[in-house]
């Protein structure tokens, strides 16, 4: 019997994709937001394609801010975008 592959929605293109094809963005208890390349960091997670265009779409539509219920400074966005590249 095959193991079921978990699906997650990309906040950029809004498509459901296998979890292992996406990058997790995590907000930890102290409120820090960062890319979680391992997928194991504790905290609230949201997913994005490994594509800078999807990241920019999600940023423009403020989907990360809606997902995490908090304002996100531009320097954090810029750092995450640089990590994706």
C-alpha atoms as a PDB file:
ATOM      1  CA  UNK A   1       0.000   0.000   0.000  1.00  0.00           C
ATOM      2  CA  UNK A   2       1.414   3.381  -1.014  1.00  0.00           C
ATOM      3  CA  UNK A   3       1.951   6.134   1.514  1.00  0.00           C
ATOM      4  CA  UNK A   4      -0.346   9.120   1.010  1.00  0.00           C
ATOM      5  CA  UNK A   5       1.533  12.260  -0.111  1.00  0.00           C
ATOM      6  CA  UNK A   6       0.389  15.320   1.878  1.00  0.00           C
ATOM      7  CA  UNK A   7      -0.739  18.291  -0.224  1.00  0.00           C
ATOM      8  CA  UNK A   8      -0.348  21.953   0.681  1.00  0.00           C
ATOM      9  CA  UNK A   9      -1.519  25.144  -1.045  1.00  0.00           C
ATOM     10  CA  UNK A  10       1.068  27.583  -2.359  1.00  0.00           C
ATOM     11  CA  UNK A  11       0.266  31.142  -1.211  1.00  0.00           C
ATOM     12  CA  UNK A  12       1.573  32.537  -4.517  1.00  0.00           C
ATOM     13  CA  UNK A  13      -0.135  30.551  -7.279  1.00  0.00           C
ATOM     14  CA  UNK A  14      -2.812  29.084  -4.922  1.00  0.00           C
ATOM     15  CA  UNK A  15      -2.319  25.582  -6.379  1.00  0.00           C
ATOM     16  CA  UNK A  16      -2.349  22.408  -4.302  1.00  0.00           C
ATOM     17  CA  UNK A  17       1.020  20.657  -4.607  1.00  0.00           C
ATOM     18  CA  UNK A  18       2.864  17.864  -2.799  1.00  0.00           C
ATOM     19  CA  UNK A  19       4.378  19.170   0.427  1.00  0.00           C
ATOM     20  CA  UNK A  20       7.918  18.127  -0.552  1.00  0.00           C
ATOM     21  CA  UNK A  21       7.831  20.417  -3.644  1.00  0.00           C
ATOM     22  CA  UNK A  22       7.155  23.520  -1.528  1.00  0.00           C
ATOM     23  CA  UNK A  23       9.155  25.673   0.885  1.00  0.00           C
ATOM     24  CA  UNK A  24       7.713  26.311   4.344  1.00  0.00           C
ATOM     25  CA  UNK A  25       7.592  29.811   5.796  1.00  0.00           C
ATOM     26  CA  UNK A  26       7.315  29.670   9.589  1.00  0.00           C
ATOM     27  CA  UNK A  27       6.345  32.102  12.353  1.00  0.00           C
ATOM     28  CA  UNK A  28       7.691  30.970  15.722  1.00  0.00           C
ATOM     29  CA  UNK A  29       6.377  31.810  19.208  1.00  0.00           C
ATOM     30  CA  UNK A  30       8.542  34.918  19.492  1.00  0.00           C
ATOM     31  CA  UNK A  31       7.012  36.244  16.240  1.00  0.00           C
ATOM     32  CA  UNK A  32      10.053  35.769  14.014  1.00  0.00           C
ATOM     33  CA  UNK A  33       9.213  34.879  10.401  1.00  0.00           C
ATOM     34  CA  UNK A  34      11.688  32.968   8.249  1.00  0.00           C
ATOM     35  CA  UNK A  35      12.085  30.284   5.592  1.00  0.00           C
ATOM     36  CA  UNK A  36      12.131  26.761   6.999  1.00  0.00           C
ATOM     37  CA  UNK A  37      14.047  24.719   4.446  1.00  0.00           C
ATOM     38  CA  UNK A  38      13.953  21.586   6.640  1.00  0.00           C
ATOM     39  CA  UNK A  39      10.186  21.703   7.171  1.00  0.00           C
ATOM     40  CA  UNK A  40      10.672  20.772  10.836  1.00  0.00           C
ATOM     41  CA  UNK A  41      10.887  24.131  12.654  1.00  0.00           C
ATOM     42  CA  UNK A  42       8.285  24.706  15.387  1.00  0.00           C
ATOM     43  CA  UNK A  43       5.617  27.315  14.756  1.00  0.00           C
ATOM     44  CA  UNK A  44       2.813  28.256  12.386  1.00  0.00           C
ATOM     45  CA  UNK A  45       3.640  27.334   8.811  1.00  0.00           C
ATOM     46  CA  UNK A  46       2.602  28.511   5.374  1.00  0.00           C
ATOM     47  CA  UNK A  47       3.852  27.163   2.058  1.00  0.00           C
ATOM     48  CA  UNK A  48       5.223  28.688  -1.116  1.00  0.00           C
ATOM     49  CA  UNK A  49       6.627  27.256  -4.361  1.00  0.00           C
ATOM     50  CA  UNK A  50      10.395  27.245  -4.803  1.00  0.00           C
ATOM     51  CA  UNK A  51       9.842  30.036  -7.307  1.00  0.00           C
ATOM     52  CA  UNK A  52      10.576  33.730  -6.750  1.00  0.00           C
ATOM     53  CA  UNK A  53       7.526  34.713  -8.860  1.00  0.00           C
ATOM     54  CA  UNK A  54       5.163  32.875  -6.494  1.00  0.00           C
ATOM     55  CA  UNK A  55       6.847  34.528  -3.514  1.00  0.00           C
ATOM     56  CA  UNK A  56       6.392  37.970  -5.098  1.00  0.00           C
ATOM     57  CA  UNK A  57       2.703  37.271  -5.852  1.00  0.00           C
ATOM     58  CA  UNK A  58       2.086  36.226  -2.247  1.00  0.00           C
ATOM     59  CA  UNK A  59       3.952  39.292  -0.982  1.00  0.00           C
ATOM     60  CA  UNK A  60       2.020  41.680  -3.239  1.00  0.00           C
ATOM     61  CA  UNK A  61      -1.335  40.195  -2.185  1.00  0.00           C
ATOM     62  CA  UNK A  62      -0.231  40.296   1.503  1.00  0.00           C
ATOM     63  CA  UNK A  63      -1.083  36.606   1.898  1.00  0.00           C
ATOM     64  CA  UNK A  64       1.709  35.974   4.425  1.00  0.00           C
ATOM     65  CA  UNK A  65       0.424  38.807   6.611  1.00  0.00           C
ATOM     66  CA  UNK A  66      -3.105  37.398   6.445  1.00  0.00           C
ATOM     67  CA  UNK A  67      -1.884  33.858   7.167  1.00  0.00           C
ATOM     68  CA  UNK A  68       0.182  34.892  10.200  1.00  0.00           C
ATOM     69  CA  UNK A  69      -2.178  37.692  11.385  1.00  0.00           C
ATOM     70  CA  UNK A  70       0.663  40.182  11.723  1.00  0.00           C
ATOM     71  CA  UNK A  71       2.513  42.907   9.830  1.00  0.00           C
ATOM     72  CA  UNK A  72       5.741  41.791   8.170  1.00  0.00           C
ATOM     73  CA  UNK A  73       8.533  44.371   7.646  1.00  0.00           C
ATOM     74  CA  UNK A  74      10.028  44.747   4.161  1.00  0.00           C
ATOM     75  CA  UNK A  75      13.499  43.681   5.344  1.00  0.00           C
ATOM     76  CA  UNK A  76      12.146  40.243   6.321  1.00  0.00           C
ATOM     77  CA  UNK A  77      10.509  39.879   2.890  1.00  0.00           C
ATOM     78  CA  UNK A  78      13.754  40.917   1.196  1.00  0.00           C
ATOM     79  CA  UNK A  79      15.809  38.413   3.241  1.00  0.00           C
ATOM     80  CA  UNK A  80      13.405  35.546   2.446  1.00  0.00           C
ATOM     81  CA  UNK A  81      13.408  36.452  -1.265  1.00  0.00           C
ATOM     82  CA  UNK A  82      17.229  36.442  -1.294  1.00  0.00           C
ATOM     83  CA  UNK A  83      17.228  32.996   0.370  1.00  0.00           C
ATOM     84  CA  UNK A  84      14.854  31.659  -2.313  1.00  0.00           C
ATOM     85  CA  UNK A  85      17.181  32.811  -5.104  1.00  0.00           C
END
